[in-house]
PDB file of N, CA and C in Angstrom:
ATOM      1  N   UNK A   1      -6.589 -15.220   9.288  1.00  0.00           N
ATOM      2  CA  UNK A   1      -5.674 -15.146   8.156  1.00  0.00           C
ATOM      3  C   UNK A   1      -6.441 -14.674   6.921  1.00  0.00           C
ATOM      4  N   UNK A   2      -5.824 -13.791   6.151  1.00  0.00           N
ATOM      5  CA  UNK A   2      -6.439 -13.247   4.950  1.00  0.00           C
ATOM      6  C   UNK A   2      -5.534 -13.580   3.768  1.00  0.00           C
ATOM      7  N   UNK A   3      -5.783 -14.694   3.080  1.00  0.00           N
ATOM      8  CA  UNK A   3      -4.872 -15.181   2.047  1.00  0.00           C
ATOM      9  C   UNK A   3      -4.509 -14.137   0.987  1.00  0.00           C
ATOM     10  N   UNK A   4      -5.483 -13.417   0.443  1.00  0.00           N
ATOM     11  CA  UNK A   4      -5.185 -12.452  -0.608  1.00  0.00           C
ATOM     12  C   UNK A   4      -4.309 -11.335  -0.063  1.00  0.00           C
ATOM     13  N   UNK A   5      -4.644 -10.832   1.114  1.00  0.00           N
ATOM     14  CA  UNK A   5      -3.856  -9.768   1.727  1.00  0.00           C
ATOM     15  C   UNK A   5      -2.449 -10.265   2.036  1.00  0.00           C
ATOM     16  N   UNK A   6      -2.352 -11.451   2.577  1.00  0.00           N
ATOM     17  CA  UNK A   6      -1.041 -12.009   2.912  1.00  0.00           C
ATOM     18  C   UNK A   6      -0.202 -12.263   1.659  1.00  0.00           C
ATOM     19  N   UNK A   7      -0.853 -12.634   0.537  1.00  0.00           N
ATOM     20  CA  UNK A   7      -0.129 -12.790  -0.727  1.00  0.00           C
ATOM     21  C   UNK A   7       0.473 -11.459  -1.161  1.00  0.00           C
ATOM     22  N   UNK A   8      -0.290 -10.384  -0.979  1.00  0.00           N
ATOM     23  CA  UNK A   8       0.230  -9.060  -1.319  1.00  0.00           C
ATOM     24  C   UNK A   8       1.424  -8.701  -0.438  1.00  0.00           C
ATOM     25  N   UNK A   9       1.335  -9.025   0.845  1.00  0.00           N
ATOM     26  CA  UNK A   9       2.438  -8.728   1.757  1.00  0.00           C
ATOM     27  C   UNK A   9       3.716  -9.442   1.333  1.00  0.00           C
ATOM     28  N   UNK A  10       3.574 -10.653   0.822  1.00  0.00           N
ATOM     29  CA  UNK A  10       4.738 -11.416   0.395  1.00  0.00           C
ATOM     30  C   UNK A  10       5.407 -10.807  -0.832  1.00  0.00           C
ATOM     31  N   UNK A  11       4.710  -9.948  -1.532  1.00  0.00           N
ATOM     32  CA  UNK A  11       5.249  -9.337  -2.749  1.00  0.00           C
ATOM     33  C   UNK A  11       5.763  -7.916  -2.519  1.00  0.00           C
ATOM     34  N   UNK A  12       5.898  -7.513  -1.274  1.00  0.00           N
ATOM     35  CA  UNK A  12       6.360  -6.158  -0.983  1.00  0.00           C
ATOM     36  C   UNK A  12       7.761  -5.890  -1.517  1.00  0.00           C
ATOM     37  N   UNK A  13       8.549  -6.927  -1.708  1.00  0.00           N
ATOM     38  CA  UNK A  13       9.898  -6.718  -2.244  1.00  0.00           C
ATOM     39  C   UNK A  13       9.856  -6.256  -3.705  1.00  0.00           C
ATOM     40  N   UNK A  14       8.680  -6.328  -4.336  1.00  0.00           N
ATOM     41  CA  UNK A  14       8.516  -5.861  -5.708  1.00  0.00           C
ATOM     42  C   UNK A  14       8.160  -4.377  -5.762  1.00  0.00           C
ATOM     43  N   UNK A  15       7.958  -3.768  -4.601  1.00  0.00           N
ATOM     44  CA  UNK A  15       7.565  -2.359  -4.518  1.00  0.00           C
ATOM     45  C   UNK A  15       8.712  -1.578  -3.901  1.00  0.00           C
ATOM     46  N   UNK A  16       9.029  -0.441  -4.519  1.00  0.00           N
ATOM     47  CA  UNK A  16      10.064   0.412  -3.942  1.00  0.00           C
ATOM     48  C   UNK A  16       9.543   1.845  -3.835  1.00  0.00           C
ATOM     49  N   UNK A  17      10.159   2.600  -2.967  1.00  0.00           N
ATOM     50  CA  UNK A  17       9.818   4.014  -2.822  1.00  0.00           C
ATOM     51  C   UNK A  17      10.616   4.773  -3.869  1.00  0.00           C
ATOM     52  N   UNK A  18       9.914   5.417  -4.797  1.00  0.00           N
ATOM     53  CA  UNK A  18      10.578   6.191  -5.841  1.00  0.00           C
ATOM     54  C   UNK A  18      10.843   7.615  -5.368  1.00  0.00           C
ATOM     55  N   UNK A  19       9.943   8.130  -4.546  1.00  0.00           N
ATOM     56  CA  UNK A  19      10.073   9.497  -4.052  1.00  0.00           C
ATOM     57  C   UNK A  19       9.193   9.624  -2.817  1.00  0.00           C
ATOM     58  N   UNK A  20       9.675  10.344  -1.823  1.00  0.00           N
ATOM     59  CA  UNK A  20       8.889  10.464  -0.599  1.00  0.00           C
ATOM     60  C   UNK A  20       9.176  11.795   0.074  1.00  0.00           C
ATOM     61  N   UNK A  21       8.141  12.583   0.216  1.00  0.00           N
ATOM     62  CA  UNK A  21       8.204  13.779   1.043  1.00  0.00           C
ATOM     63  C   UNK A  21       7.070  13.655   2.052  1.00  0.00           C
ATOM     64  N   UNK A  22       7.185  14.362   3.122  1.00  0.00           N
ATOM     65  CA  UNK A  22       6.176  14.271   4.179  1.00  0.00           C
ATOM     66  C   UNK A  22       4.788  14.543   3.592  1.00  0.00           C
ATOM     67  N   UNK A  23       3.917  13.535   3.674  1.00  0.00           N
ATOM     68  CA  UNK A  23       2.547  13.657   3.195  1.00  0.00           C
ATOM     69  C   UNK A  23       2.305  13.161   1.777  1.00  0.00           C
ATOM     70  N   UNK A  24       3.368  12.754   1.083  1.00  0.00           N
ATOM     71  CA  UNK A  24       3.209  12.271  -0.293  1.00  0.00           C
ATOM     72  C   UNK A  24       4.309  11.272  -0.614  1.00  0.00           C
ATOM     73  N   UNK A  25       3.898  10.093  -1.095  1.00  0.00           N
ATOM     74  CA  UNK A  25       4.871   9.058  -1.455  1.00  0.00           C
ATOM     75  C   UNK A  25       4.530   8.520  -2.841  1.00  0.00           C
ATOM     76  N   UNK A  26       5.569   8.267  -3.607  1.00  0.00           N
ATOM     77  CA  UNK A  26       5.399   7.638  -4.924  1.00  0.00           C
ATOM     78  C   UNK A  26       6.025   6.264  -4.848  1.00  0.00           C
ATOM     79  N   UNK A  27       5.202   5.249  -5.082  1.00  0.00           N
ATOM     80  CA  UNK A  27       5.642   3.856  -5.056  1.00  0.00           C
ATOM     81  C   UNK A  27       5.767   3.362  -6.485  1.00  0.00           C
ATOM     82  N   UNK A  28       6.759   2.541  -6.720  1.00  0.00           N
ATOM     83  CA  UNK A  28       7.022   2.023  -8.063  1.00  0.00           C
ATOM     84  C   UNK A  28       7.145   0.508  -7.997  1.00  0.00           C
ATOM     85  N   UNK A  29       6.536  -0.177  -8.953  1.00  0.00           N
ATOM     86  CA  UNK A  29       6.648  -1.633  -9.047  1.00  0.00           C
ATOM     87  C   UNK A  29       7.859  -1.991  -9.881  1.00  0.00           C
ATOM     88  N   UNK A  30       8.540  -3.045  -9.483  1.00  0.00           N
ATOM     89  CA  UNK A  30       9.694  -3.528 -10.234  1.00  0.00           C
ATOM     90  C   UNK A  30       9.250  -4.005 -11.610  1.00  0.00           C
ATOM     91  N   UNK A  31      10.114  -3.843 -12.593  1.00  0.00           N
ATOM     92  CA  UNK A  31       9.838  -4.344 -13.932  1.00  0.00           C
ATOM     93  C   UNK A  31       9.701  -5.859 -13.863  1.00  0.00           C
ATOM     94  N   UNK A  32       8.680  -6.382 -14.518  1.00  0.00           N
ATOM     95  CA  UNK A  32       8.454  -7.821 -14.503  1.00  0.00           C
ATOM     96  C   UNK A  32       7.750  -8.299 -13.244  1.00  0.00           C
ATOM     97  N   UNK A  33       7.317  -7.376 -12.411  1.00  0.00           N
ATOM     98  CA  UNK A  33       6.633  -7.711 -11.168  1.00  0.00           C
ATOM     99  C   UNK A  33       5.323  -8.428 -11.458  1.00  0.00           C
ATOM    100  N   UNK A  34       5.054  -9.469 -10.703  1.00  0.00           N
ATOM    101  CA  UNK A  34       3.779 -10.175 -10.835  1.00  0.00           C
ATOM    102  C   UNK A  34       2.625  -9.269 -10.439  1.00  0.00           C
ATOM    103  N   UNK A  35       2.868  -8.373  -9.491  1.00  0.00           N
ATOM    104  CA  UNK A  35       1.826  -7.430  -9.075  1.00  0.00           C
ATOM    105  C   UNK A  35       1.491  -6.501 -10.234  1.00  0.00           C
ATOM    106  N   UNK A  36       2.507  -6.115 -11.019  1.00  0.00           N
ATOM    107  CA  UNK A  36       2.285  -5.223 -12.156  1.00  0.00           C
ATOM    108  C   UNK A  36       1.414  -5.867 -13.225  1.00  0.00           C
ATOM    109  N   UNK A  37       1.330  -7.185 -13.221  1.00  0.00           N
ATOM    110  CA  UNK A  37       0.546  -7.906 -14.217  1.00  0.00           C
ATOM    111  C   UNK A  37      -0.906  -8.111 -13.782  1.00  0.00           C
ATOM    112  N   UNK A  38      -1.303  -7.520 -12.655  1.00  0.00           N
ATOM    113  CA  UNK A  38      -2.691  -7.629 -12.211  1.00  0.00           C
ATOM    114  C   UNK A  38      -3.617  -7.048 -13.271  1.00  0.00           C
ATOM    115  N   UNK A  39      -4.764  -7.679 -13.506  1.00  0.00           N
ATOM    116  CA  UNK A  39      -5.736  -7.081 -14.419  1.00  0.00           C
ATOM    117  C   UNK A  39      -6.155  -5.707 -13.889  1.00  0.00           C
ATOM    118  N   UNK A  40      -6.488  -4.805 -14.796  1.00  0.00           N
ATOM    119  CA  UNK A  40      -6.804  -3.430 -14.390  1.00  0.00           C
ATOM    120  C   UNK A  40      -7.971  -3.366 -13.406  1.00  0.00           C
ATOM    121  N   UNK A  41      -8.962  -4.253 -13.537  1.00  0.00           N
ATOM    122  CA  UNK A  41     -10.089  -4.208 -12.605  1.00  0.00           C
ATOM    123  C   UNK A  41      -9.633  -4.529 -11.180  1.00  0.00           C
ATOM    124  N   UNK A  42      -8.717  -5.491 -11.030  1.00  0.00           N
ATOM    125  CA  UNK A  42      -8.194  -5.811  -9.689  1.00  0.00           C
ATOM    126  C   UNK A  42      -7.315  -4.689  -9.180  1.00  0.00           C
ATOM    127  N   UNK A  43      -6.548  -4.083 -10.077  1.00  0.00           N
ATOM    128  CA  UNK A  43      -5.698  -2.953  -9.677  1.00  0.00           C
ATOM    129  C   UNK A  43      -6.568  -1.779  -9.227  1.00  0.00           C
ATOM    130  N   UNK A  44      -7.695  -1.576  -9.882  1.00  0.00           N
ATOM    131  CA  UNK A  44      -8.603  -0.493  -9.478  1.00  0.00           C
ATOM    132  C   UNK A  44      -9.231  -0.790  -8.113  1.00  0.00           C
ATOM    133  N   UNK A  45      -9.527  -2.059  -7.837  1.00  0.00           N
ATOM    134  CA  UNK A  45     -10.036  -2.424  -6.507  1.00  0.00           C
ATOM    135  C   UNK A  45      -8.974  -2.163  -5.448  1.00  0.00           C
ATOM    136  N   UNK A  46      -7.717  -2.476  -5.790  1.00  0.00           N
ATOM    137  CA  UNK A  46      -6.614  -2.209  -4.878  1.00  0.00           C
ATOM    138  C   UNK A  46      -6.510  -0.707  -4.620  1.00  0.00           C
ATOM    139  N   UNK A  47      -6.688   0.092  -5.679  1.00  0.00           N
ATOM    140  CA  UNK A  47      -6.671   1.542  -5.529  1.00  0.00           C
ATOM    141  C   UNK A  47      -7.815   1.993  -4.620  1.00  0.00           C
ATOM    142  N   UNK A  48      -8.980   1.369  -4.755  1.00  0.00           N
ATOM    143  CA  UNK A  48     -10.116   1.714  -3.903  1.00  0.00           C
ATOM    144  C   UNK A  48      -9.818   1.407  -2.439  1.00  0.00           C
ATOM    145  N   UNK A  49      -9.123   0.305  -2.189  1.00  0.00           N
ATOM    146  CA  UNK A  49      -8.724  -0.023  -0.819  1.00  0.00           C
ATOM    147  C   UNK A  49      -7.790   1.061  -0.291  1.00  0.00           C
ATOM    148  N   UNK A  50      -6.798   1.440  -1.092  1.00  0.00           N
ATOM    149  CA  UNK A  50      -5.866   2.489  -0.665  1.00  0.00           C
ATOM    150  C   UNK A  50      -6.596   3.799  -0.394  1.00  0.00           C
ATOM    151  N   UNK A  51      -7.556   4.145  -1.252  1.00  0.00           N
ATOM    152  CA  UNK A  51      -8.330   5.378  -1.072  1.00  0.00           C
ATOM    153  C   UNK A  51      -9.144   5.364   0.219  1.00  0.00           C
ATOM    154  N   UNK A  52      -9.469   4.184   0.731  1.00  0.00           N
ATOM    155  CA  UNK A  52     -10.310   4.052   1.924  1.00  0.00           C
ATOM    156  C   UNK A  52      -9.521   4.035   3.222  1.00  0.00           C
ATOM    157  N   UNK A  53      -8.206   4.039   3.142  1.00  0.00           N
ATOM    158  CA  UNK A  53      -7.372   3.944   4.337  1.00  0.00           C
ATOM    159  C   UNK A  53      -7.467   5.231   5.136  1.00  0.00           C
ATOM    160  N   UNK A  54      -7.716   5.122   6.438  1.00  0.00           N
ATOM    161  CA  UNK A  54      -7.731   6.322   7.270  1.00  0.00           C
ATOM    162  C   UNK A  54      -6.380   7.039   7.161  1.00  0.00           C
ATOM    163  N   UNK A  55      -6.441   8.320   6.923  1.00  0.00           N
ATOM    164  CA  UNK A  55      -5.229   9.111   6.795  1.00  0.00           C
ATOM    165  C   UNK A  55      -4.762   9.288   5.366  1.00  0.00           C
ATOM    166  N   UNK A  56      -5.355   8.562   4.420  1.00  0.00           N
ATOM    167  CA  UNK A  56      -5.001   8.719   3.010  1.00  0.00           C
ATOM    168  C   UNK A  56      -5.999   9.684   2.379  1.00  0.00           C
ATOM    169  N   UNK A  57      -5.453  10.735   1.755  1.00  0.00           N
ATOM    170  CA  UNK A  57      -6.295  11.763   1.134  1.00  0.00           C
ATOM    171  C   UNK A  57      -6.575  11.483  -0.330  1.00  0.00           C
ATOM    172  N   UNK A  58      -5.692  10.755  -0.981  1.00  0.00           N
ATOM    173  CA  UNK A  58      -5.892  10.477  -2.394  1.00  0.00           C
ATOM    174  C   UNK A  58      -4.835   9.526  -2.923  1.00  0.00           C
ATOM    175  N   UNK A  59      -5.214   8.800  -3.968  1.00  0.00           N
ATOM    176  CA  UNK A  59      -4.317   7.839  -4.608  1.00  0.00           C
ATOM    177  C   UNK A  59      -4.454   8.022  -6.114  1.00  0.00           C
ATOM    178  N   UNK A  60      -3.310   8.103  -6.778  1.00  0.00           N
ATOM    179  CA  UNK A  60      -3.298   8.176  -8.236  1.00  0.00           C
ATOM    180  C   UNK A  60      -2.415   7.049  -8.752  1.00  0.00           C
ATOM    181  N   UNK A  61      -2.983   6.209  -9.608  1.00  0.00           N
ATOM    182  CA  UNK A  61      -2.240   5.084 -10.163  1.00  0.00           C
ATOM    183  C   UNK A  61      -1.952   5.381 -11.627  1.00  0.00           C
ATOM    184  N   UNK A  62      -0.696   5.163 -12.012  1.00  0.00           N
ATOM    185  CA  UNK A  62      -0.287   5.300 -13.406  1.00  0.00           C
ATOM    186  C   UNK A  62       0.103   3.902 -13.872  1.00  0.00           C
ATOM    187  N   UNK A  63      -0.785   3.259 -14.620  1.00  0.00           N
ATOM    188  CA  UNK A  63      -0.560   1.886 -15.046  1.00  0.00           C
ATOM    189  C   UNK A  63       0.652   1.772 -15.968  1.00  0.00           C
ATOM    190  N   UNK A  64       0.821   2.724 -16.865  1.00  0.00           N
ATOM    191  CA  UNK A  64       1.943   2.656 -17.808  1.00  0.00           C
ATOM    192  C   UNK A  64       3.283   2.791 -17.104  1.00  0.00           C
ATOM    193  N   UNK A  65       3.348   3.664 -16.115  1.00  0.00           N
ATOM    194  CA  UNK A  65       4.603   3.876 -15.386  1.00  0.00           C
ATOM    195  C   UNK A  65       4.785   2.883 -14.247  1.00  0.00           C
ATOM    196  N   UNK A  66       3.770   2.067 -13.996  1.00  0.00           N
ATOM    197  CA  UNK A  66       3.787   1.109 -12.876  1.00  0.00           C
ATOM    198  C   UNK A  66       4.080   1.820 -11.555  1.00  0.00           C
ATOM    199  N   UNK A  67       3.382   2.942 -11.371  1.00  0.00           N
ATOM    200  CA  UNK A  67       3.617   3.703 -10.152  1.00  0.00           C
ATOM    201  C   UNK A  67       2.299   4.138  -9.532  1.00  0.00           C
ATOM    202  N   UNK A  68       2.413   4.551  -8.296  1.00  0.00           N
ATOM    203  CA  UNK A  68       1.249   4.938  -7.519  1.00  0.00           C
ATOM    204  C   UNK A  68       1.684   6.081  -6.597  1.00  0.00           C
ATOM    205  N   UNK A  69       0.929   7.155  -6.598  1.00  0.00           N
ATOM    206  CA  UNK A  69       1.195   8.270  -5.691  1.00  0.00           C
ATOM    207  C   UNK A  69       0.117   8.262  -4.624  1.00  0.00           C
ATOM    208  N   UNK A  70       0.555   8.316  -3.372  1.00  0.00           N
ATOM    209  CA  UNK A  70      -0.371   8.324  -2.238  1.00  0.00           C
ATOM    210  C   UNK A  70      -0.148   9.626  -1.471  1.00  0.00           C
ATOM    211  N   UNK A  71      -1.212  10.426  -1.374  1.00  0.00           N
ATOM    212  CA  UNK A  71      -1.193  11.621  -0.534  1.00  0.00           C
ATOM    213  C   UNK A  71      -1.786  11.208   0.806  1.00  0.00           C
ATOM    214  N   UNK A  72      -1.059  11.453   1.890  1.00  0.00           N
ATOM    215  CA  UNK A  72      -1.492  10.968   3.193  1.00  0.00           C
ATOM    216  C   UNK A  72      -1.238  12.004   4.282  1.00  0.00           C
ATOM    217  N   UNK A  73      -1.876  11.783   5.414  1.00  0.00           N
ATOM    218  CA  UNK A  73      -1.723  12.644   6.576  1.00  0.00           C
ATOM    219  C   UNK A  73      -0.638  12.052   7.472  1.00  0.00           C
ATOM    220  N   UNK A  74       0.518  12.714   7.585  1.00  0.00           N
ATOM    221  CA  UNK A  74       1.597  12.158   8.411  1.00  0.00           C
ATOM    222  C   UNK A  74       1.285  12.157   9.913  1.00  0.00           C
ATOM    223  N   UNK A  75       0.210  12.825  10.305  1.00  0.00           N
ATOM    224  CA  UNK A  75      -0.216  12.743  11.709  1.00  0.00           C
ATOM    225  C   UNK A  75      -0.905  11.407  11.986  1.00  0.00           C
ATOM    226  N   UNK A  76      -1.417  10.767  10.928  1.00  0.00           N
ATOM    227  CA  UNK A  76      -2.089   9.470  11.071  1.00  0.00           C
ATOM    228  C   UNK A  76      -1.130   8.337  10.725  1.00  0.00           C
ATOM    229  N   UNK A  77      -0.418   8.495   9.618  1.00  0.00           N
ATOM    230  CA  UNK A  77       0.551   7.495   9.163  1.00  0.00           C
ATOM    231  C   UNK A  77       1.931   8.152   9.216  1.00  0.00           C
ATOM    232  N   UNK A  78       2.773   7.732  10.139  1.00  0.00           N
ATOM    233  CA  UNK A  78       4.087   8.363  10.262  1.00  0.00           C
ATOM    234  C   UNK A  78       4.920   8.226   8.982  1.00  0.00           C
ATOM    235  N   UNK A  79       5.720   9.247   8.717  1.00  0.00           N
ATOM    236  CA  UNK A  79       6.586   9.291   7.540  1.00  0.00           C
ATOM    237  C   UNK A  79       7.389   7.992   7.382  1.00  0.00           C
ATOM    238  N   UNK A  80       8.013   7.543   8.460  1.00  0.00           N
ATOM    239  CA  UNK A  80       8.898   6.373   8.386  1.00  0.00           C
ATOM    240  C   UNK A  80       8.141   5.054   8.223  1.00  0.00           C
ATOM    241  N   UNK A  81       6.837   5.056   8.445  1.00  0.00           N
ATOM    242  CA  UNK A  81       6.050   3.816   8.360  1.00  0.00           C
ATOM    243  C   UNK A  81       6.132   3.188   6.975  1.00  0.00           C
ATOM    244  N   UNK A  82       6.098   4.010   5.938  1.00  0.00           N
ATOM    245  CA  UNK A  82       6.083   3.494   4.574  1.00  0.00           C
ATOM    246  C   UNK A  82       7.337   2.686   4.245  1.00  0.00           C
ATOM    247  N   UNK A  83       8.488   3.299   4.406  1.00  0.00           N
ATOM    248  CA  UNK A  83       9.725   2.608   4.033  1.00  0.00           C
ATOM    249  C   UNK A  83       9.998   1.425   4.957  1.00  0.00           C
ATOM    250  N   UNK A  84       9.705   1.576   6.239  1.00  0.00           N
ATOM    251  CA  UNK A  84       9.935   0.469   7.167  1.00  0.00           C
ATOM    252  C   UNK A  84       9.010  -0.704   6.853  1.00  0.00           C
ATOM    253  N   UNK A  85       7.764  -0.419   6.563  1.00  0.00           N
ATOM    254  CA  UNK A  85       6.804  -1.475   6.224  1.00  0.00           C
ATOM    255  C   UNK A  85       7.225  -2.190   4.945  1.00  0.00           C
ATOM    256  N   UNK A  86       7.570  -1.422   3.908  1.00  0.00           N
ATOM    257  CA  UNK A  86       7.945  -2.016   2.626  1.00  0.00           C
ATOM    258  C   UNK A  86       9.240  -2.820   2.706  1.00  0.00           C
ATOM    259  N   UNK A  87      10.133  -2.429   3.607  1.00  0.00           N
ATOM    260  CA  UNK A  87      11.410  -3.137   3.761  1.00  0.00           C
ATOM    261  C   UNK A  87      11.326  -4.274   4.774  1.00  0.00           C
ATOM    262  N   UNK A  88      10.176  -4.458   5.391  1.00  0.00           N
ATOM    263  CA  UNK A  88      10.014  -5.538   6.352  1.00  0.00           C
ATOM    264  C   UNK A  88      10.643  -5.258   7.700  1.00  0.00           C
ATOM    265  N   UNK A  89      10.894  -3.991   7.995  1.00  0.00           N
ATOM    266  CA  UNK A  89      11.462  -3.620   9.286  1.00  0.00           C
ATOM    267  C   UNK A  89      10.376  -3.727  10.352  1.00  0.00           C
ATOM    268  N   UNK A  90      10.702  -4.388  11.440  1.00  0.00           N
ATOM    269  CA  UNK A  90       9.751  -4.492  12.546  1.00  0.00           C
ATOM    270  C   UNK A  90       9.911  -3.266  13.428  1.00  0.00           C
ATOM    271  N   UNK A  91       8.948  -2.373  13.332  1.00  0.00           N
ATOM    272  CA  UNK A  91       8.977  -1.141  14.105  1.00  0.00           C
ATOM    273  C   UNK A  91       7.538  -0.765  14.455  1.00  0.00           C
ATOM    274  N   UNK A  92       7.358   0.095  15.451  1.00  0.00           N
ATOM    275  CA  UNK A  92       6.003   0.539  15.789  1.00  0.00           C
ATOM    276  C   UNK A  92       5.315   1.228  14.597  1.00  0.00           C
ATOM    277  N   UNK A  93       6.050   2.029  13.838  1.00  0.00           N
ATOM    278  CA  UNK A  93       5.457   2.730  12.699  1.00  0.00           C
ATOM    279  C   UNK A  93       5.009   1.747  11.620  1.00  0.00           C
ATOM    280  N   UNK A  94       5.848   0.767  11.296  1.00  0.00           N
ATOM    281  CA  UNK A  94       5.498  -0.244  10.291  1.00  0.00           C
ATOM    282  C   UNK A  94       4.309  -1.082  10.762  1.00  0.00           C
ATOM    283  N   UNK A  95       4.296  -1.429  12.038  1.00  0.00           N
ATOM    284  CA  UNK A  95       3.181  -2.214  12.591  1.00  0.00           C
ATOM    285  C   UNK A  95       1.875  -1.422  12.521  1.00  0.00           C
ATOM    286  N   UNK A  96       1.953  -0.116  12.768  1.00  0.00           N
ATOM    287  CA  UNK A  96       0.763   0.730  12.680  1.00  0.00           C
ATOM    288  C   UNK A  96       0.223   0.737  11.258  1.00  0.00           C
ATOM    289  N   UNK A  97       1.094   0.934  10.268  1.00  0.00           N
ATOM    290  CA  UNK A  97       0.645   0.945   8.878  1.00  0.00           C
ATOM    291  C   UNK A  97       0.059  -0.406   8.481  1.00  0.00           C
ATOM    292  N   UNK A  98       0.690  -1.497   8.878  1.00  0.00           N
ATOM    293  CA  UNK A  98       0.145  -2.818   8.552  1.00  0.00           C
ATOM    294  C   UNK A  98      -1.223  -3.015   9.197  1.00  0.00           C
ATOM    295  N   UNK A  99      -1.375  -2.591  10.431  1.00  0.00           N
ATOM    296  CA  UNK A  99      -2.675  -2.715  11.115  1.00  0.00           C
ATOM    297  C   UNK A  99      -3.741  -1.894  10.384  1.00  0.00           C
ATOM    298  N   UNK A 100      -3.401  -0.675   9.972  1.00  0.00           N
ATOM    299  CA  UNK A 100      -4.350   0.162   9.227  1.00  0.00           C
ATOM    300  C   UNK A 100      -4.733  -0.516   7.919  1.00  0.00           C
ATOM    301  N   UNK A 101      -3.750  -1.055   7.201  1.00  0.00           N
ATOM    302  CA  UNK A 101      -4.021  -1.731   5.929  1.00  0.00           C
ATOM    303  C   UNK A 101      -4.890  -2.969   6.119  1.00  0.00           C
ATOM    304  N   UNK A 102      -4.561  -3.781   7.132  1.00  0.00           N
ATOM    305  CA  UNK A 102      -5.348  -4.992   7.401  1.00  0.00           C
ATOM    306  C   UNK A 102      -6.781  -4.643   7.792  1.00  0.00           C
ATOM    307  N   UNK A 103      -6.951  -3.658   8.662  1.00  0.00           N
ATOM    308  CA  UNK A 103      -8.297  -3.270   9.101  1.00  0.00           C
ATOM    309  C   UNK A 103      -9.128  -2.747   7.935  1.00  0.00           C
ATOM    310  N   UNK A 104      -8.514  -1.954   7.078  1.00  0.00           N
ATOM    311  CA  UNK A 104      -9.224  -1.420   5.914  1.00  0.00           C
ATOM    312  C   UNK A 104      -9.594  -2.543   4.964  1.00  0.00           C
ATOM    313  N   UNK A 105      -8.675  -3.462   4.737  1.00  0.00           N
ATOM    314  CA  UNK A 105      -8.940  -4.599   3.859  1.00  0.00           C
ATOM    315  C   UNK A 105     -10.108  -5.424   4.409  1.00  0.00           C
ATOM    316  N   UNK A 106     -10.071  -5.718   5.703  1.00  0.00           N
ATOM    317  CA  UNK A 106     -11.148  -6.486   6.335  1.00  0.00           C
ATOM    318  C   UNK A 106     -12.500  -5.802   6.152  1.00  0.00           C
ATOM    319  N   UNK A 107     -12.513  -4.499   6.371  1.00  0.00           N
ATOM    320  CA  UNK A 107     -13.768  -3.748   6.281  1.00  0.00           C
ATOM    321  C   UNK A 107     -14.318  -3.761   4.865  1.00  0.00           C
ATOM    322  N   UNK A 108     -13.474  -3.522   3.901  1.00  0.00           N
ATOM    323  CA  UNK A 108     -13.938  -3.458   2.510  1.00  0.00           C
ATOM    324  C   UNK A 108     -14.325  -4.826   1.982  1.00  0.00           C
ATOM    325  N   UNK A 109     -13.545  -5.845   2.315  1.00  0.00           N
ATOM    326  CA  UNK A 109     -13.780  -7.177   1.779  1.00  0.00           C
ATOM    327  C   UNK A 109     -14.695  -8.014   2.658  1.00  0.00           C
ATOM    328  N   UNK A 110     -15.136  -7.466   3.788  1.00  0.00           N
ATOM    329  CA  UNK A 110     -15.972  -8.214   4.731  1.00  0.00           C
ATOM    330  C   UNK A 110     -15.330  -9.517   5.160  1.00  0.00           C
ATOM    331  N   UNK A 111     -14.071  -9.441   5.564  1.00  0.00           N
ATOM    332  CA  UNK A 111     -13.307 -10.603   5.986  1.00  0.00           C
ATOM    333  C   UNK A 111     -13.218 -10.599   7.494  1.00  0.00           C
ATOM    334  N   UNK A 112     -13.411 -11.766   8.093  1.00  0.00           N
ATOM    335  CA  UNK A 112     -13.287 -11.878   9.560  1.00  0.00           C
ATOM    336  C   UNK A 112     -11.811 -11.824   9.957  1.00  0.00           C
ATOM    337  N   UNK A 113     -11.504 -11.229  11.114  1.00  0.00           N
ATOM    338  CA  UNK A 113     -10.112 -11.177  11.589  1.00  0.00           C
ATOM    339  C   UNK A 113      -9.532 -12.546  11.870  1.00  0.00           C
TER     340      UNK A 113
END
């Protein structure tokens, strides 16, 4: 169990897809979101985790707009994985994205499975 990662998973309802085309997704935090109130240093660490995900080519965070653009390889992360994962849909694509996120988090944070 990874408490910090699991806390983030519980807050997925605060994140919505603002725009999504194959290979590029813009995520937006809800106004008043507790995640949006993260200190900038923690938000930058979160960005570093996203940048380290296999299949992610780049991440741009706009703190003022409470948004994040992720450029990704749809051959590694299926298009439907993002919306299904964020909506809590149990699907192979969502499970793949969660596994990629958990593995990357473990590697960066040196957390045991």
